[in-house]
Amino acid sequence: MWGWIIQNILLSIIIIFIVHNLGEYLKNTFTVKKTKDVVGFQMQKYKLIMDEIHDTNNESKNDELSEKEKQDMNDDLNDFMLNQINA
């Protein structure tokens, strides 16, 4: 009687092992592997950010303030600081 039970247990383990390995083989053989290009993705993001910074810098060079506008801003800042000190 014990021989029959041990035989069934071993047979069940072997069947489970074979089915598991067959499933893994089929999965590895017939599916497309997904790979992530982590370095390339980060390089693209960096390049995009740098391009935006360069574009912004080029636009700001064209929009420089005149001397009168700079002086007006400086005067406004000085007035504000004096009001804060006196308050």
C-alpha atoms as a PDB file:
ATOM      1  CA  MET A   1       0.000   0.000   0.000  1.00  0.00           C
ATOM      2  CA  TRP A   2       2.745   2.489   0.876  1.00  0.00           C
ATOM      3  CA  GLY A   3       4.536   1.693  -2.353  1.00  0.00           C
ATOM      4  CA  TRP A   4       1.464   2.703  -4.384  1.00  0.00           C
ATOM      5  CA  ILE A   5       1.176   6.085  -2.515  1.00  0.00           C
ATOM      6  CA  ILE A   6       4.888   6.892  -2.935  1.00  0.00           C
ATOM      7  CA  GLN A   7       4.649   5.940  -6.606  1.00  0.00           C
ATOM      8  CA  ASN A   8       1.693   8.318  -7.135  1.00  0.00           C
ATOM      9  CA  ILE A   9       3.481  11.154  -5.301  1.00  0.00           C
ATOM     10  CA  LEU A  10       6.644  10.752  -7.403  1.00  0.00           C
ATOM     11  CA  LEU A  11       4.622  10.518 -10.610  1.00  0.00           C
ATOM     12  CA  SER A  12       2.688  13.689  -9.675  1.00  0.00           C
ATOM     13  CA  ILE A  13       5.913  15.600  -8.926  1.00  0.00           C
ATOM     14  CA  ILE A  14       7.434  14.502 -12.253  1.00  0.00           C
ATOM     15  CA  ILE A  15       4.307  15.545 -14.190  1.00  0.00           C
ATOM     16  CA  ILE A  16       4.232  18.950 -12.455  1.00  0.00           C
ATOM     17  CA  PHE A  17       7.956  19.428 -13.182  1.00  0.00           C
ATOM     18  CA  ILE A  18       7.537  18.546 -16.876  1.00  0.00           C
ATOM     19  CA  VAL A  19       4.472  20.784 -17.342  1.00  0.00           C
ATOM     20  CA  HIS A  20       6.216  23.681 -15.591  1.00  0.00           C
ATOM     21  CA  ASN A  21       9.367  23.377 -17.728  1.00  0.00           C
ATOM     22  CA  LEU A  22       7.306  23.007 -20.906  1.00  0.00           C
ATOM     23  CA  GLY A  23       5.397  26.194 -20.047  1.00  0.00           C
ATOM     24  CA  GLU A  24       8.623  28.108 -19.377  1.00  0.00           C
ATOM     25  CA  TYR A  25      10.147  26.849 -22.646  1.00  0.00           C
ATOM     26  CA  LEU A  26       7.104  27.896 -24.667  1.00  0.00           C
ATOM     27  CA  LYS A  27       6.989  31.293 -22.951  1.00  0.00           C
ATOM     28  CA  ASN A  28      10.678  31.978 -23.613  1.00  0.00           C
ATOM     29  CA  THR A  29      10.527  30.716 -27.198  1.00  0.00           C
ATOM     30  CA  PHE A  30       7.348  32.339 -28.490  1.00  0.00           C
ATOM     31  CA  THR A  31       7.145  35.686 -26.706  1.00  0.00           C
ATOM     32  CA  VAL A  32       8.890  38.949 -27.494  1.00  0.00           C
ATOM     33  CA  LYS A  33      11.225  40.087 -24.762  1.00  0.00           C
ATOM     34  CA  LYS A  34      10.711  43.626 -23.491  1.00  0.00           C
ATOM     35  CA  THR A  35      13.861  45.644 -22.940  1.00  0.00           C
ATOM     36  CA  LYS A  36      14.096  49.114 -21.482  1.00  0.00           C
ATOM     37  CA  ASP A  37      16.625  51.574 -22.824  1.00  0.00           C
ATOM     38  CA  VAL A  38      17.133  53.390 -19.537  1.00  0.00           C
ATOM     39  CA  VAL A  39      20.300  55.248 -20.541  1.00  0.00           C
ATOM     40  CA  GLY A  40      18.996  56.288 -23.952  1.00  0.00           C
ATOM     41  CA  PHE A  41      15.696  57.448 -22.447  1.00  0.00           C
ATOM     42  CA  GLN A  42      17.478  59.598 -19.873  1.00  0.00           C
ATOM     43  CA  MET A  43      19.774  61.025 -22.558  1.00  0.00           C
ATOM     44  CA  GLN A  44      16.734  62.028 -24.648  1.00  0.00           C
ATOM     45  CA  LYS A  45      15.139  63.760 -21.657  1.00  0.00           C
ATOM     46  CA  TYR A  46      18.422  65.567 -20.912  1.00  0.00           C
ATOM     47  CA  LYS A  47      18.777  66.686 -24.531  1.00  0.00           C
ATOM     48  CA  LEU A  48      15.186  67.946 -24.576  1.00  0.00           C
ATOM     49  CA  ILE A  49      15.729  69.950 -21.384  1.00  0.00           C
ATOM     50  CA  MET A  50      18.991  71.397 -22.685  1.00  0.00           C
ATOM     51  CA  ASP A  51      17.327  72.383 -25.978  1.00  0.00           C
ATOM     52  CA  GLU A  52      14.567  74.174 -24.050  1.00  0.00           C
ATOM     53  CA  ILE A  53      17.151  76.006 -21.942  1.00  0.00           C
ATOM     54  CA  HIS A  54      19.085  77.102 -25.030  1.00  0.00           C
ATOM     55  CA  ASP A  55      15.895  78.253 -26.740  1.00  0.00           C
ATOM     56  CA  THR A  56      14.896  80.235 -23.654  1.00  0.00           C
ATOM     57  CA  ASN A  57      18.350  81.813 -23.453  1.00  0.00           C
ATOM     58  CA  ASN A  58      18.220  82.817 -27.116  1.00  0.00           C
ATOM     59  CA  GLU A  59      14.790  84.384 -26.671  1.00  0.00           C
ATOM     60  CA  SER A  60      15.859  86.281 -23.559  1.00  0.00           C
ATOM     61  CA  LYS A  61      18.857  87.760 -25.389  1.00  0.00           C
ATOM     62  CA  ASN A  62      16.493  89.245 -27.943  1.00  0.00           C
ATOM     63  CA  ASP A  63      14.238  90.657 -25.223  1.00  0.00           C
ATOM     64  CA  GLU A  64      16.883  92.497 -23.212  1.00  0.00           C
ATOM     65  CA  LEU A  65      15.735  95.501 -21.235  1.00  0.00           C
ATOM     66  CA  SER A  66      16.743  99.000 -22.158  1.00  0.00           C
ATOM     67  CA  GLU A  67      18.812 101.091 -19.775  1.00  0.00           C
ATOM     68  CA  LYS A  68      15.788 103.211 -18.865  1.00  0.00           C
ATOM     69  CA  GLU A  69      13.764 100.108 -17.955  1.00  0.00           C
ATOM     70  CA  LYS A  70      16.623  98.794 -15.852  1.00  0.00           C
ATOM     71  CA  GLN A  71      16.907 102.116 -14.039  1.00  0.00           C
ATOM     72  CA  ASP A  72      13.141 102.208 -13.412  1.00  0.00           C
ATOM     73  CA  MET A  73      13.226  98.691 -11.981  1.00  0.00           C
ATOM     74  CA  ASN A  74      16.182  99.619  -9.781  1.00  0.00           C
ATOM     75  CA  ASP A  75      14.364 102.711  -8.504  1.00  0.00           C
ATOM     76  CA  ASP A  76      11.231 100.657  -7.754  1.00  0.00           C
ATOM     77  CA  LEU A  77      13.302  98.115  -5.865  1.00  0.00           C
ATOM     78  CA  ASN A  78      15.028 100.818  -3.832  1.00  0.00           C
ATOM     79  CA  ASP A  79      11.664 102.438  -2.985  1.00  0.00           C
ATOM     80  CA  PHE A  80      10.280  99.074  -1.902  1.00  0.00           C
ATOM     81  CA  MET A  81      13.297  98.334   0.309  1.00  0.00           C
ATOM     82  CA  LEU A  82      13.115 101.768   1.937  1.00  0.00           C
ATOM     83  CA  ASN A  83       9.379 101.286   2.627  1.00  0.00           C
ATOM     84  CA  GLN A  84      10.076  97.905   4.216  1.00  0.00           C
ATOM     85  CA  ILE A  85      12.818  99.322   6.442  1.00  0.00           C
ATOM     86  CA  ASN A  86      10.683 102.283   7.551  1.00  0.00           C
ATOM     87  CA  ALA A  87       7.554 100.218   8.184  1.00  0.00           C
END
